[in-house]
Amino acid sequence: MYAVIEEGGKQYRVSEGDKIRVEKRPEEEGESITLDKVLLLGKDEGAVVGAPLVSGASVTAKVLAHGKEDKVIVFKYRRKKNYRRFRGHRQQFTELSVESINGQADYGTAASLQ
């Protein structure tokens, strides 16, 4: 079973046991959180697409760690104009481990695949 969730303005396809990096969240390491913005639930038999969310579905995840991504260098340069701008950025993230996908739906029917 898999799900497509929305978190931090981005969409992630997750299954049980997956580890994902999302935008920084305020929870402490070791806490369990519930992500209730589930856009799609799927199995081998078919998928249930929400409009826009699948009602009653949620994903339970555990916070593993907080950190920063690798540095991204932004260098702007205009030749012959004495213009140089150098910036660096490190995006903060929270690493989550997906524990369970909760939601019951009728997979594979024509009504659920709208």
PDB file of N, CA and C in Angstrom:
ATOM      1  N   MET A   1       0.853  -1.178   0.000  1.00  0.00           N
ATOM      2  CA  MET A   1       0.000   0.000   0.000  1.00  0.00           C
ATOM      3  C   MET A   1       0.894   1.235   0.000  1.00  0.00           C
ATOM      4  N   TYR A   2       0.482   2.242  -0.740  1.00  0.00           N
ATOM      5  CA  TYR A   2       1.229   3.486  -0.783  1.00  0.00           C
ATOM      6  C   TYR A   2       0.254   4.657  -0.718  1.00  0.00           C
ATOM      7  N   ALA A   3       0.808   5.827  -0.456  1.00  0.00           N
ATOM      8  CA  ALA A   3      -0.003   7.041  -0.372  1.00  0.00           C
ATOM      9  C   ALA A   3       0.796   8.197  -0.943  1.00  0.00           C
ATOM     10  N   VAL A   4       0.083   9.190  -1.454  1.00  0.00           N
ATOM     11  CA  VAL A   4       0.697  10.448  -1.861  1.00  0.00           C
ATOM     12  C   VAL A   4       0.219  11.492  -0.868  1.00  0.00           C
ATOM     13  N   ILE A   5       1.175  12.102  -0.164  1.00  0.00           N
ATOM     14  CA  ILE A   5       0.827  13.090   0.866  1.00  0.00           C
ATOM     15  C   ILE A   5       1.374  14.448   0.460  1.00  0.00           C
ATOM     16  N   GLU A   6       0.793  15.480   1.047  1.00  0.00           N
ATOM     17  CA  GLU A   6       1.283  16.842   0.853  1.00  0.00           C
ATOM     18  C   GLU A   6       1.835  17.331   2.175  1.00  0.00           C
ATOM     19  N   GLU A   7       3.061  17.823   2.140  1.00  0.00           N
ATOM     20  CA  GLU A   7       3.697  18.338   3.350  1.00  0.00           C
ATOM     21  C   GLU A   7       4.654  19.451   2.957  1.00  0.00           C
ATOM     22  N   GLY A   8       4.478  20.612   3.540  1.00  0.00           N
ATOM     23  CA  GLY A   8       5.376  21.728   3.271  1.00  0.00           C
ATOM     24  C   GLY A   8       5.309  22.231   1.846  1.00  0.00           C
ATOM     25  N   GLY A   9       4.140  22.113   1.189  1.00  0.00           N
ATOM     26  CA  GLY A   9       3.987  22.595  -0.166  1.00  0.00           C
ATOM     27  C   GLY A   9       4.517  21.644  -1.229  1.00  0.00           C
ATOM     28  N   LYS A  10       4.963  20.460  -0.817  1.00  0.00           N
ATOM     29  CA  LYS A  10       5.472  19.469  -1.760  1.00  0.00           C
ATOM     30  C   LYS A  10       4.686  18.175  -1.596  1.00  0.00           C
ATOM     31  N   GLN A  11       4.728  17.323  -2.609  1.00  0.00           N
ATOM     32  CA  GLN A  11       4.027  16.048  -2.573  1.00  0.00           C
ATOM     33  C   GLN A  11       5.044  14.916  -2.539  1.00  0.00           C
ATOM     34  N   TYR A  12       4.748  13.897  -1.727  1.00  0.00           N
ATOM     35  CA  TYR A  12       5.637  12.758  -1.558  1.00  0.00           C
ATOM     36  C   TYR A  12       4.841  11.475  -1.720  1.00  0.00           C
ATOM     37  N   ARG A  13       5.426  10.492  -2.424  1.00  0.00           N
ATOM     38  CA  ARG A  13       4.838   9.159  -2.521  1.00  0.00           C
ATOM     39  C   ARG A  13       5.537   8.310  -1.475  1.00  0.00           C
ATOM     40  N   VAL A  14       4.769   7.771  -0.508  1.00  0.00           N
ATOM     41  CA  VAL A  14       5.355   7.046   0.613  1.00  0.00           C
ATOM     42  C   VAL A  14       4.715   5.667   0.760  1.00  0.00           C
ATOM     43  N   SER A  15       5.488   4.741   1.296  1.00  0.00           N
ATOM     44  CA  SER A  15       5.036   3.423   1.704  1.00  0.00           C
ATOM     45  C   SER A  15       5.500   3.214   3.132  1.00  0.00           C
ATOM     46  N   GLU A  16       4.991   2.172   3.774  1.00  0.00           N
ATOM     47  CA  GLU A  16       5.419   1.893   5.146  1.00  0.00           C
ATOM     48  C   GLU A  16       6.903   1.561   5.163  1.00  0.00           C
ATOM     49  N   GLY A  17       7.616   2.156   6.114  1.00  0.00           N
ATOM     50  CA  GLY A  17       9.050   1.923   6.237  1.00  0.00           C
ATOM     51  C   GLY A  17       9.915   2.919   5.489  1.00  0.00           C
ATOM     52  N   ASP A  18       9.327   3.770   4.660  1.00  0.00           N
ATOM     53  CA  ASP A  18      10.104   4.765   3.909  1.00  0.00           C
ATOM     54  C   ASP A  18      10.627   5.865   4.828  1.00  0.00           C
ATOM     55  N   LYS A  19      11.762   6.434   4.442  1.00  0.00           N
ATOM     56  CA  LYS A  19      12.301   7.603   5.128  1.00  0.00           C
ATOM     57  C   LYS A  19      12.257   8.762   4.135  1.00  0.00           C
ATOM     58  N   ILE A  20      11.700   9.893   4.564  1.00  0.00           N
ATOM     59  CA  ILE A  20      11.601  11.062   3.697  1.00  0.00           C
ATOM     60  C   ILE A  20      12.123  12.291   4.434  1.00  0.00           C
ATOM     61  N   ARG A  21      12.576  13.265   3.650  1.00  0.00           N
ATOM     62  CA  ARG A  21      13.003  14.548   4.209  1.00  0.00           C
ATOM     63  C   ARG A  21      11.989  15.598   3.793  1.00  0.00           C
ATOM     64  N   VAL A  22      11.405  16.271   4.784  1.00  0.00           N
ATOM     65  CA  VAL A  22      10.409  17.302   4.537  1.00  0.00           C
ATOM     66  C   VAL A  22      10.927  18.619   5.091  1.00  0.00           C
ATOM     67  N   GLU A  23      10.199  19.690   4.795  1.00  0.00           N
ATOM     68  CA  GLU A  23      10.544  20.990   5.364  1.00  0.00           C
ATOM     69  C   GLU A  23      10.560  20.891   6.891  1.00  0.00           C
ATOM     70  N   LYS A  24      11.375  21.704   7.544  1.00  0.00           N
ATOM     71  CA  LYS A  24      11.538  21.627   8.998  1.00  0.00           C
ATOM     72  C   LYS A  24      10.209  21.748   9.725  1.00  0.00           C
ATOM     73  N   ARG A  25      10.002  20.836  10.682  1.00  0.00           N
ATOM     74  CA  ARG A  25       8.796  20.812  11.504  1.00  0.00           C
ATOM     75  C   ARG A  25       9.190  21.050  12.958  1.00  0.00           C
ATOM     76  N   PRO A  26       8.265  21.558  13.802  1.00  0.00           N
ATOM     77  CA  PRO A  26       8.617  21.921  15.175  1.00  0.00           C
ATOM     78  C   PRO A  26       8.699  20.745  16.153  1.00  0.00           C
ATOM     79  N   GLU A  27       8.280  19.553  15.776  1.00  0.00           N
ATOM     80  CA  GLU A  27       8.269  18.431  16.715  1.00  0.00           C
ATOM     81  C   GLU A  27       9.691  17.998  17.082  1.00  0.00           C
ATOM     82  N   GLU A  28       9.814  17.403  18.265  1.00  0.00           N
ATOM     83  CA  GLU A  28      11.104  16.921  18.745  1.00  0.00           C
ATOM     84  C   GLU A  28      11.415  15.555  18.148  1.00  0.00           C
ATOM     85  N   GLU A  29      12.692  15.174  18.179  1.00  0.00           N
ATOM     86  CA  GLU A  29      13.103  13.865  17.684  1.00  0.00           C
ATOM     87  C   GLU A  29      12.478  12.770  18.538  1.00  0.00           C
ATOM     88  N   GLY A  30      11.982  11.722  17.887  1.00  0.00           N
ATOM     89  CA  GLY A  30      11.356  10.615  18.595  1.00  0.00           C
ATOM     90  C   GLY A  30       9.846  10.712  18.692  1.00  0.00           C
ATOM     91  N   GLU A  31       9.281  11.883  18.426  1.00  0.00           N
ATOM     92  CA  GLU A  31       7.824  12.059  18.496  1.00  0.00           C
ATOM     93  C   GLU A  31       7.156  11.444  17.276  1.00  0.00           C
ATOM     94  N   SER A  32       5.913  10.972  17.469  1.00  0.00           N
ATOM     95  CA  SER A  32       5.101  10.498  16.352  1.00  0.00           C
ATOM     96  C   SER A  32       4.171  11.609  15.918  1.00  0.00           C
ATOM     97  N   ILE A  33       4.002  11.749  14.606  1.00  0.00           N
ATOM     98  CA  ILE A  33       3.114  12.780  14.075  1.00  0.00           C
ATOM     99  C   ILE A  33       2.146  12.136  13.094  1.00  0.00           C
ATOM    100  N   THR A  34       1.018  12.793  12.884  1.00  0.00           N
ATOM    101  CA  THR A  34       0.022  12.328  11.941  1.00  0.00           C
ATOM    102  C   THR A  34      -0.078  13.327  10.796  1.00  0.00           C
ATOM    103  N   LEU A  35       0.116  12.847   9.588  1.00  0.00           N
ATOM    104  CA  LEU A  35      -0.002  13.671   8.394  1.00  0.00           C
ATOM    105  C   LEU A  35      -1.347  13.347   7.760  1.00  0.00           C
ATOM    106  N   ASP A  36      -2.269  14.315   7.769  1.00  0.00           N
ATOM    107  CA  ASP A  36      -3.639  14.028   7.328  1.00  0.00           C
ATOM    108  C   ASP A  36      -3.965  14.561   5.932  1.00  0.00           C
ATOM    109  N   LYS A  37      -3.009  15.176   5.261  1.00  0.00           N
ATOM    110  CA  LYS A  37      -3.248  15.645   3.889  1.00  0.00           C
ATOM    111  C   LYS A  37      -2.861  14.539   2.912  1.00  0.00           C
ATOM    112  N   VAL A  38      -3.739  13.546   2.783  1.00  0.00           N
ATOM    113  CA  VAL A  38      -3.496  12.409   1.897  1.00  0.00           C
ATOM    114  C   VAL A  38      -4.250  12.663   0.597  1.00  0.00           C
ATOM    115  N   LEU A  39      -3.521  12.748  -0.504  1.00  0.00           N
ATOM    116  CA  LEU A  39      -4.116  13.047  -1.806  1.00  0.00           C
ATOM    117  C   LEU A  39      -4.521  11.788  -2.565  1.00  0.00           C
ATOM    118  N   LEU A  40      -3.856  10.636  -2.269  1.00  0.00           N
ATOM    119  CA  LEU A  40      -4.118   9.415  -3.013  1.00  0.00           C
ATOM    120  C   LEU A  40      -3.724   8.214  -2.159  1.00  0.00           C
ATOM    121  N   LEU A  41      -4.549   7.183  -2.186  1.00  0.00           N
ATOM    122  CA  LEU A  41      -4.226   5.892  -1.581  1.00  0.00           C
ATOM    123  C   LEU A  41      -4.176   4.872  -2.700  1.00  0.00           C
ATOM    124  N   GLY A  42      -3.167   4.014  -2.700  1.00  0.00           N
ATOM    125  CA  GLY A  42      -3.062   3.060  -3.785  1.00  0.00           C
ATOM    126  C   GLY A  42      -2.587   1.701  -3.349  1.00  0.00           C
ATOM    127  N   LYS A  43      -2.995   0.689  -4.125  1.00  0.00           N
ATOM    128  CA  LYS A  43      -2.544  -0.693  -3.986  1.00  0.00           C
ATOM    129  C   LYS A  43      -2.330  -1.228  -5.391  1.00  0.00           C
ATOM    130  N   ASP A  44      -1.987  -2.510  -5.488  1.00  0.00           N
ATOM    131  CA  ASP A  44      -1.819  -3.124  -6.799  1.00  0.00           C
ATOM    132  C   ASP A  44      -3.138  -3.181  -7.553  1.00  0.00           C
ATOM    133  N   GLU A  45      -4.255  -3.294  -6.829  1.00  0.00           N
ATOM    134  CA  GLU A  45      -5.559  -3.411  -7.477  1.00  0.00           C
ATOM    135  C   GLU A  45      -6.064  -2.097  -8.067  1.00  0.00           C
ATOM    136  N   GLY A  46      -5.582  -0.984  -7.571  1.00  0.00           N
ATOM    137  CA  GLY A  46      -6.052   0.302  -8.064  1.00  0.00           C
ATOM    138  C   GLY A  46      -5.702   1.404  -7.087  1.00  0.00           C
ATOM    139  N   ALA A  47      -6.309   2.551  -7.290  1.00  0.00           N
ATOM    140  CA  ALA A  47      -6.013   3.706  -6.456  1.00  0.00           C
ATOM    141  C   ALA A  47      -7.290   4.472  -6.168  1.00  0.00           C
ATOM    142  N   VAL A  48      -7.284   5.182  -5.045  1.00  0.00           N
ATOM    143  CA  VAL A  48      -8.385   6.068  -4.679  1.00  0.00           C
ATOM    144  C   VAL A  48      -7.814   7.477  -4.662  1.00  0.00           C
ATOM    145  N   VAL A  49      -8.357   8.335  -5.509  1.00  0.00           N
ATOM    146  CA  VAL A  49      -7.890   9.705  -5.633  1.00  0.00           C
ATOM    147  C   VAL A  49      -8.847  10.608  -4.885  1.00  0.00           C
ATOM    148  N   GLY A  50      -8.302  11.469  -4.038  1.00  0.00           N
ATOM    149  CA  GLY A  50      -9.132  12.396  -3.282  1.00  0.00           C
ATOM    150  C   GLY A  50      -9.546  13.581  -4.117  1.00  0.00           C
ATOM    151  N   ALA A  51     -10.531  14.294  -3.594  1.00  0.00           N
ATOM    152  CA  ALA A  51     -11.023  15.468  -4.305  1.00  0.00           C
ATOM    153  C   ALA A  51     -11.202  16.622  -3.316  1.00  0.00           C
ATOM    154  N   PRO A  52     -10.203  17.310  -2.855  1.00  0.00           N
ATOM    155  CA  PRO A  52      -8.786  17.125  -3.121  1.00  0.00           C
ATOM    156  C   PRO A  52      -8.114  16.128  -2.182  1.00  0.00           C
ATOM    157  N   LEU A  53      -8.729  15.806  -1.023  1.00  0.00           N
ATOM    158  CA  LEU A  53      -8.119  14.884  -0.067  1.00  0.00           C
ATOM    159  C   LEU A  53      -8.959  13.621   0.059  1.00  0.00           C
ATOM    160  N   VAL A  54      -8.322  12.520   0.422  1.00  0.00           N
ATOM    161  CA  VAL A  54      -9.032  11.274   0.706  1.00  0.00           C
ATOM    162  C   VAL A  54      -9.563  11.377   2.133  1.00  0.00           C
ATOM    163  N   SER A  55     -10.893  11.284   2.282  1.00  0.00           N
ATOM    164  CA  SER A  55     -11.485  11.460   3.610  1.00  0.00           C
ATOM    165  C   SER A  55     -11.179  10.251   4.490  1.00  0.00           C
ATOM    166  N   GLY A  56     -10.816  10.531   5.736  1.00  0.00           N
ATOM    167  CA  GLY A  56     -10.543   9.481   6.703  1.00  0.00           C
ATOM    168  C   GLY A  56      -9.172   8.848   6.585  1.00  0.00           C
ATOM    169  N   ALA A  57      -8.344   9.290   5.688  1.00  0.00           N
ATOM    170  CA  ALA A  57      -7.015   8.703   5.503  1.00  0.00           C
ATOM    171  C   ALA A  57      -5.964   9.558   6.199  1.00  0.00           C
ATOM    172  N   SER A  58      -4.944   8.895   6.718  1.00  0.00           N
ATOM    173  CA  SER A  58      -3.841   9.600   7.353  1.00  0.00           C
ATOM    174  C   SER A  58      -2.593   8.734   7.297  1.00  0.00           C
ATOM    175  N   VAL A  59      -1.462   9.353   7.532  1.00  0.00           N
ATOM    176  CA  VAL A  59      -0.179   8.659   7.566  1.00  0.00           C
ATOM    177  C   VAL A  59       0.476   8.990   8.893  1.00  0.00           C
ATOM    178  N   THR A  60       0.919   7.955   9.601  1.00  0.00           N
ATOM    179  CA  THR A  60       1.604   8.142  10.874  1.00  0.00           C
ATOM    180  C   THR A  60       3.097   8.008  10.631  1.00  0.00           C
ATOM    181  N   ALA A  61       3.858   8.982  11.132  1.00  0.00           N
ATOM    182  CA  ALA A  61       5.308   8.994  10.923  1.00  0.00           C
ATOM    183  C   ALA A  61       6.005   9.344  12.224  1.00  0.00           C
ATOM    184  N   LYS A  62       7.267   8.956  12.309  1.00  0.00           N
ATOM    185  CA  LYS A  62       8.083   9.239  13.479  1.00  0.00           C
ATOM    186  C   LYS A  62       9.214  10.170  13.070  1.00  0.00           C
ATOM    187  N   VAL A  63       9.485  11.197  13.876  1.00  0.00           N
ATOM    188  CA  VAL A  63      10.558  12.152  13.594  1.00  0.00           C
ATOM    189  C   VAL A  63      11.882  11.499  13.957  1.00  0.00           C
ATOM    190  N   LEU A  64      12.764  11.351  12.965  1.00  0.00           N
ATOM    191  CA  LEU A  64      14.072  10.737  13.209  1.00  0.00           C
ATOM    192  C   LEU A  64      15.137  11.764  13.552  1.00  0.00           C
ATOM    193  N   ALA A  65      15.203  12.855  12.777  1.00  0.00           N
ATOM    194  CA  ALA A  65      16.274  13.826  12.986  1.00  0.00           C
ATOM    195  C   ALA A  65      15.919  15.154  12.338  1.00  0.00           C
ATOM    196  N   HIS A  66      16.623  16.191  12.781  1.00  0.00           N
ATOM    197  CA  HIS A  66      16.575  17.505  12.143  1.00  0.00           C
ATOM    198  C   HIS A  66      17.967  17.789  11.606  1.00  0.00           C
ATOM    199  N   GLY A  67      18.050  18.568  10.538  1.00  0.00           N
ATOM    200  CA  GLY A  67      19.361  18.878   9.997  1.00  0.00           C
ATOM    201  C   GLY A  67      19.296  19.934   8.922  1.00  0.00           C
ATOM    202  N   LYS A  68      20.424  20.093   8.231  1.00  0.00           N
ATOM    203  CA  LYS A  68      20.531  21.049   7.133  1.00  0.00           C
ATOM    204  C   LYS A  68      21.041  20.321   5.903  1.00  0.00           C
ATOM    205  N   GLU A  69      20.504  20.689   4.754  1.00  0.00           N
ATOM    206  CA  GLU A  69      20.956  20.120   3.486  1.00  0.00           C
ATOM    207  C   GLU A  69      22.348  20.659   3.162  1.00  0.00           C
ATOM    208  N   ASP A  70      22.946  20.133   2.100  1.00  0.00           N
ATOM    209  CA  ASP A  70      24.228  20.647   1.623  1.00  0.00           C
ATOM    210  C   ASP A  70      24.063  22.084   1.137  1.00  0.00           C
ATOM    211  N   LYS A  71      25.154  22.826   1.178  1.00  0.00           N
ATOM    212  CA  LYS A  71      25.105  24.223   0.786  1.00  0.00           C
ATOM    213  C   LYS A  71      24.874  24.363  -0.713  1.00  0.00           C
ATOM    214  N   VAL A  72      24.003  25.285  -1.065  1.00  0.00           N
ATOM    215  CA  VAL A  72      23.750  25.636  -2.457  1.00  0.00           C
ATOM    216  C   VAL A  72      24.389  27.004  -2.691  1.00  0.00           C
ATOM    217  N   ILE A  73      25.245  27.076  -3.691  1.00  0.00           N
ATOM    218  CA  ILE A  73      25.949  28.324  -4.001  1.00  0.00           C
ATOM    219  C   ILE A  73      25.195  29.065  -5.097  1.00  0.00           C
ATOM    220  N   VAL A  74      24.947  30.354  -4.865  1.00  0.00           N
ATOM    221  CA  VAL A  74      24.329  31.223  -5.864  1.00  0.00           C
ATOM    222  C   VAL A  74      25.350  32.310  -6.178  1.00  0.00           C
ATOM    223  N   PHE A  75      25.862  32.306  -7.401  1.00  0.00           N
ATOM    224  CA  PHE A  75      26.875  33.273  -7.812  1.00  0.00           C
ATOM    225  C   PHE A  75      26.377  33.996  -9.047  1.00  0.00           C
ATOM    226  N   LYS A  76      26.198  35.301  -8.916  1.00  0.00           N
ATOM    227  CA  LYS A  76      25.765  36.128 -10.035  1.00  0.00           C
ATOM    228  C   LYS A  76      26.959  36.931 -10.529  1.00  0.00           C
ATOM    229  N   TYR A  77      27.093  37.021 -11.840  1.00  0.00           N
ATOM    230  CA  TYR A  77      28.266  37.662 -12.423  1.00  0.00           C
ATOM    231  C   TYR A  77      27.885  38.306 -13.748  1.00  0.00           C
ATOM    232  N   ARG A  78      28.311  39.545 -13.944  1.00  0.00           N
ATOM    233  CA  ARG A  78      28.156  40.238 -15.223  1.00  0.00           C
ATOM    234  C   ARG A  78      29.549  40.625 -15.700  1.00  0.00           C
ATOM    235  N   ARG A  79      29.926  40.087 -16.811  1.00  0.00           N
ATOM    236  CA  ARG A  79      31.275  40.365 -17.299  1.00  0.00           C
ATOM    237  C   ARG A  79      31.417  41.838 -17.696  1.00  0.00           C
ATOM    238  N   LYS A  80      32.578  42.358 -17.473  1.00  0.00           N
ATOM    239  CA  LYS A  80      32.974  43.729 -17.828  1.00  0.00           C
ATOM    240  C   LYS A  80      32.215  44.811 -17.061  1.00  0.00           C
ATOM    241  N   LYS A  81      31.426  44.435 -16.074  1.00  0.00           N
ATOM    242  CA  LYS A  81      30.617  45.435 -15.365  1.00  0.00           C
ATOM    243  C   LYS A  81      30.959  45.532 -13.882  1.00  0.00           C
ATOM    244  N   ASN A  82      31.975  44.800 -13.431  1.00  0.00           N
ATOM    245  CA  ASN A  82      32.370  44.792 -12.022  1.00  0.00           C
ATOM    246  C   ASN A  82      31.196  44.438 -11.110  1.00  0.00           C
ATOM    247  N   TYR A  83      30.428  43.432 -11.506  1.00  0.00           N
ATOM    248  CA  TYR A  83      29.254  43.003 -10.741  1.00  0.00           C
ATOM    249  C   TYR A  83      29.430  41.537 -10.357  1.00  0.00           C
ATOM    250  N   ARG A  84      29.541  41.285  -9.056  1.00  0.00           N
ATOM    251  CA  ARG A  84      29.629  39.918  -8.547  1.00  0.00           C
ATOM    252  C   ARG A  84      28.837  39.828  -7.260  1.00  0.00           C
ATOM    253  N   ARG A  85      27.988  38.808  -7.149  1.00  0.00           N
ATOM    254  CA  ARG A  85      27.224  38.574  -5.917  1.00  0.00           C
ATOM    255  C   ARG A  85      27.373  37.098  -5.562  1.00  0.00           C
ATOM    256  N   PHE A  86      27.754  36.831  -4.337  1.00  0.00           N
ATOM    257  CA  PHE A  86      27.982  35.458  -3.887  1.00  0.00           C
ATOM    258  C   PHE A  86      27.101  35.194  -2.673  1.00  0.00           C
ATOM    259  N   ARG A  87      26.259  34.182  -2.765  1.00  0.00           N
ATOM    260  CA  ARG A  87      25.376  33.805  -1.663  1.00  0.00           C
ATOM    261  C   ARG A  87      25.434  32.303  -1.474  1.00  0.00           C
ATOM    262  N   GLY A  88      25.237  31.870  -0.247  1.00  0.00           N
ATOM    263  CA  GLY A  88      25.119  30.448   0.060  1.00  0.00           C
ATOM    264  C   GLY A  88      23.852  30.226   0.860  1.00  0.00           C
ATOM    265  N   HIS A  89      23.268  29.032   0.728  1.00  0.00           N
ATOM    266  CA  HIS A  89      22.031  28.724   1.447  1.00  0.00           C
ATOM    267  C   HIS A  89      22.040  27.266   1.863  1.00  0.00           C
ATOM    268  N   ARG A  90      21.623  26.982   3.081  1.00  0.00           N
ATOM    269  CA  ARG A  90      21.457  25.612   3.562  1.00  0.00           C
ATOM    270  C   ARG A  90      20.034  25.463   4.085  1.00  0.00           C
ATOM    271  N   GLN A  91      19.231  24.667   3.401  1.00  0.00           N
ATOM    272  CA  GLN A  91      17.826  24.476   3.758  1.00  0.00           C
ATOM    273  C   GLN A  91      17.719  23.515   4.934  1.00  0.00           C
ATOM    274  N   GLN A  92      16.905  23.875   5.925  1.00  0.00           N
ATOM    275  CA  GLN A  92      16.672  22.999   7.075  1.00  0.00           C
ATOM    276  C   GLN A  92      15.632  21.950   6.713  1.00  0.00           C
ATOM    277  N   PHE A  93      15.771  20.747   7.289  1.00  0.00           N
ATOM    278  CA  PHE A  93      14.833  19.674   7.008  1.00  0.00           C
ATOM    279  C   PHE A  93      14.555  18.865   8.265  1.00  0.00           C
ATOM    280  N   THR A  94      13.496  18.066   8.202  1.00  0.00           N
ATOM    281  CA  THR A  94      13.163  17.079   9.219  1.00  0.00           C
ATOM    282  C   THR A  94      13.057  15.738   8.512  1.00  0.00           C
ATOM    283  N   GLU A  95      13.738  14.736   9.045  1.00  0.00           N
ATOM    284  CA  GLU A  95      13.689  13.401   8.454  1.00  0.00           C
ATOM    285  C   GLU A  95      12.621  12.590   9.174  1.00  0.00           C
ATOM    286  N   LEU A  96      11.700  12.004   8.385  1.00  0.00           N
ATOM    287  CA  LEU A  96      10.584  11.232   8.936  1.00  0.00           C
ATOM    288  C   LEU A  96      10.686   9.785   8.482  1.00  0.00           C
ATOM    289  N   SER A  97      10.239   8.885   9.343  1.00  0.00           N
ATOM    290  CA  SER A  97      10.116   7.475   9.003  1.00  0.00           C
ATOM    291  C   SER A  97       8.628   7.141   9.024  1.00  0.00           C
ATOM    292  N   VAL A  98       8.099   6.638   7.912  1.00  0.00           N
ATOM    293  CA  VAL A  98       6.676   6.343   7.803  1.00  0.00           C
ATOM    294  C   VAL A  98       6.394   5.028   8.531  1.00  0.00           C
ATOM    295  N   GLU A  99       5.519   5.091   9.545  1.00  0.00           N
ATOM    296  CA  GLU A  99       5.209   3.904  10.335  1.00  0.00           C
ATOM    297  C   GLU A  99       3.986   3.172   9.809  1.00  0.00           C
ATOM    298  N   SER A 100       2.926   3.913   9.466  1.00  0.00           N
ATOM    299  CA  SER A 100       1.720   3.251   8.981  1.00  0.00           C
ATOM    300  C   SER A 100       0.919   4.191   8.095  1.00  0.00           C
ATOM    301  N   ILE A 101       0.138   3.570   7.209  1.00  0.00           N
ATOM    302  CA  ILE A 101      -0.789   4.301   6.347  1.00  0.00           C
ATOM    303  C   ILE A 101      -2.184   3.850   6.745  1.00  0.00           C
ATOM    304  N   ASN A 102      -3.004   4.790   7.195  1.00  0.00           N
ATOM    305  CA  ASN A 102      -4.338   4.480   7.703  1.00  0.00           C
ATOM    306  C   ASN A 102      -5.386   4.980   6.726  1.00  0.00           C
ATOM    307  N   GLY A 103      -6.312   4.115   6.387  1.00  0.00           N
ATOM    308  CA  GLY A 103      -7.392   4.523   5.500  1.00  0.00           C
ATOM    309  C   GLY A 103      -8.000   3.322   4.830  1.00  0.00           C
ATOM    310  N   GLN A 104      -9.299   3.268   4.821  1.00  0.00           N
ATOM    311  CA  GLN A 104     -10.020   2.191   4.159  1.00  0.00           C
ATOM    312  C   GLN A 104     -10.723   2.774   2.954  1.00  0.00           C
ATOM    313  N   ALA A 105     -10.624   2.078   1.844  1.00  0.00           N
ATOM    314  CA  ALA A 105     -11.287   2.558   0.636  1.00  0.00           C
ATOM    315  C   ALA A 105     -11.575   1.372  -0.259  1.00  0.00           C
ATOM    316  N   ASP A 106     -12.480   1.561  -1.193  1.00  0.00           N
ATOM    317  CA  ASP A 106     -12.847   0.533  -2.157  1.00  0.00           C
ATOM    318  C   ASP A 106     -11.939   0.683  -3.370  1.00  0.00           C
ATOM    319  N   TYR A 107     -10.905  -0.143  -3.426  1.00  0.00           N
ATOM    320  CA  TYR A 107      -9.920  -0.041  -4.500  1.00  0.00           C
ATOM    321  C   TYR A 107     -10.430  -0.678  -5.771  1.00  0.00           C
ATOM    322  N   GLY A 108     -10.100  -0.065  -6.890  1.00  0.00           N
ATOM    323  CA  GLY A 108     -10.332  -0.679  -8.177  1.00  0.00           C
ATOM    324  C   GLY A 108     -11.706  -0.467  -8.777  1.00  0.00           C
ATOM    325  N   THR A 109     -12.623   0.193  -8.126  1.00  0.00           N
ATOM    326  CA  THR A 109     -13.928   0.414  -8.714  1.00  0.00           C
ATOM    327  C   THR A 109     -13.885   1.665  -9.580  1.00  0.00           C
ATOM    328  N   ALA A 110     -14.806   1.743 -10.498  1.00  0.00           N
ATOM    329  CA  ALA A 110     -14.841   2.886 -11.417  1.00  0.00           C
ATOM    330  C   ALA A 110     -15.142   4.183 -10.677  1.00  0.00           C
ATOM    331  N   ALA A 111     -15.972   4.109  -9.628  1.00  0.00           N
ATOM    332  CA  ALA A 111     -16.346   5.318  -8.890  1.00  0.00           C
ATOM    333  C   ALA A 111     -15.139   5.890  -8.147  1.00  0.00           C
ATOM    334  N   SER A 112     -14.220   5.046  -7.680  1.00  0.00           N
ATOM    335  CA  SER A 112     -13.089   5.536  -6.925  1.00  0.00           C
ATOM    336  C   SER A 112     -11.970   6.056  -7.814  1.00  0.00           C
ATOM    337  N   LEU A 113     -12.006   5.777  -9.094  1.00  0.00           N
ATOM    338  CA  LEU A 113     -10.946   6.220  -9.999  1.00  0.00           C
ATOM    339  C   LEU A 113     -11.321   7.452 -10.797  1.00  0.00           C
ATOM    340  N   GLN A 114     -12.238   8.251 -10.313  1.00  0.00           N
ATOM    341  CA  GLN A 114     -12.703   9.441 -11.017  1.00  0.00           C
ATOM    342  C   GLN A 114     -11.581  10.363 -11.370  1.00  0.00           C
TER     343      GLN A 114
END
